Protein backbone atom coordinates (compact mmCIF):
# COMPACT_ATOMS: atom_id res chain seq x y z
CA MET A 1 -25.35 -1.86 -0.95
CA PRO A 2 -26.30 -5.22 0.60
CA PRO A 3 -25.32 -5.67 4.26
CA ALA A 4 -23.13 -8.69 3.49
CA LEU A 5 -21.07 -6.75 0.95
CA LEU A 6 -20.70 -3.87 3.39
CA ALA A 7 -19.53 -6.24 6.13
CA ILE A 8 -16.97 -7.87 3.83
CA THR A 9 -15.68 -4.46 2.72
CA LEU A 10 -15.31 -3.26 6.31
CA LEU A 11 -13.57 -6.49 7.34
CA LEU A 12 -11.09 -6.19 4.48
CA ALA A 13 -10.43 -2.53 5.33
CA VAL A 14 -9.72 -3.36 8.97
CA THR A 15 -7.44 -6.23 7.95
CA PHE A 16 -5.41 -4.10 5.55
CA CYS A 17 -5.12 -1.29 8.11
CA TYR A 18 -3.85 -3.72 10.76
CA ALA A 19 -1.36 -5.18 8.28
CA ALA A 20 -0.10 -1.66 7.57
CA VAL A 21 0.31 -0.96 11.30
CA CYS A 22 2.21 -4.23 11.78
CA ALA A 23 4.51 -3.43 8.86
CA GLY A 24 5.13 0.16 9.95
CA SER A 25 5.42 -0.43 13.69
CA PRO A 26 6.01 -4.10 14.52
CA PHE A 27 6.39 -3.46 18.26
CA GLY A 28 3.75 -2.09 20.62
CA ASN A 29 3.75 -1.27 24.31
CA CYS A 30 3.65 -4.14 26.78
CA ARG A 31 0.12 -4.61 28.11
CA LYS A 32 1.20 -5.50 31.62
CA CYS A 33 3.58 -2.61 32.38
CA ARG A 34 2.10 -0.21 29.77
CA GLY A 35 5.50 0.37 28.17
CA MET A 36 7.33 1.33 31.37
CA GLY A 37 9.33 -1.88 31.70
CA HIS A 38 8.65 -2.11 35.41
CA ALA A 39 5.87 -1.85 37.95
CA LEU A 40 5.25 1.23 40.08
CA LYS A 41 5.15 0.96 43.85
CA THR A 42 4.52 3.50 46.57
CA ASP A 43 6.54 3.93 49.71
CA ARG A 44 5.05 4.59 53.15
CA LYS A 45 4.67 8.29 52.44
CA GLY A 46 2.75 7.61 49.22
CA ARG A 47 5.51 8.61 46.80
CA LEU A 48 5.95 6.53 43.65
CA LYS A 49 8.98 4.25 43.41
CA ARG A 50 10.28 1.93 40.75
CA GLY A 51 9.12 -1.63 41.33
CA LYS A 52 10.32 -4.93 39.95
CA ASP A 53 11.12 -5.42 36.28
CA CYS A 54 8.28 -6.69 34.11
CA ARG A 55 8.60 -10.42 33.45
CA ARG A 56 6.39 -10.41 30.36
CA CYS A 57 8.52 -8.00 28.30
CA LYS A 58 11.81 -8.59 30.18
CA ALA A 59 11.98 -4.89 31.18
CA THR A 60 12.01 -3.57 27.60
CA GLY A 61 8.48 -2.17 27.69
CA LYS A 62 7.81 -3.49 24.18
CA ARG A 63 6.08 -6.53 22.73
CA ILE A 64 5.78 -7.85 19.20
CA ARG A 65 2.34 -7.39 17.65
CA THR A 66 0.31 -10.53 16.88
CA GLY A 67 0.15 -9.85 13.15
CA ARG A 68 3.91 -9.35 12.92
CA TRP A 69 4.51 -12.50 14.96
CA LEU A 70 2.33 -14.50 12.56
CA TYR A 71 4.13 -12.99 9.53
CA ASN A 72 7.55 -13.82 11.02
CA ARG A 73 6.44 -17.39 11.71
CA TRP A 74 5.09 -17.79 8.15
CA ALA A 75 8.27 -16.34 6.61
CA ARG A 76 10.50 -18.64 8.69
CA ILE A 77 8.52 -21.74 7.66
CA TYR A 78 8.49 -20.63 4.01
CA ARG A 79 12.26 -20.06 3.98
CA ALA A 80 12.90 -23.42 5.63
CA GLY A 81 10.69 -25.20 3.08
CA THR A 82 12.24 -23.59 -0.02
CA ALA A 83 15.89 -23.72 1.05
CA ASP A 84 18.06 -26.12 -0.92
């Protein structure tokens, strides 16, 4: 199998797998707070405490995946263009 054909096949496989992940689970953990929804702080004795709410995910701990965001944007534009 030529290297170019192998590369194209692998690229298509990765793309379809990512599309399946976006369709099955459109939300992933927030990268900043790692899905906690807030930061962790330590007090003077070294014990963990809840910190401030995460501003990126607005304390939900979830974010929308890039592929799902692109699909939602495309669907919204398509609906707006075909609406009578």
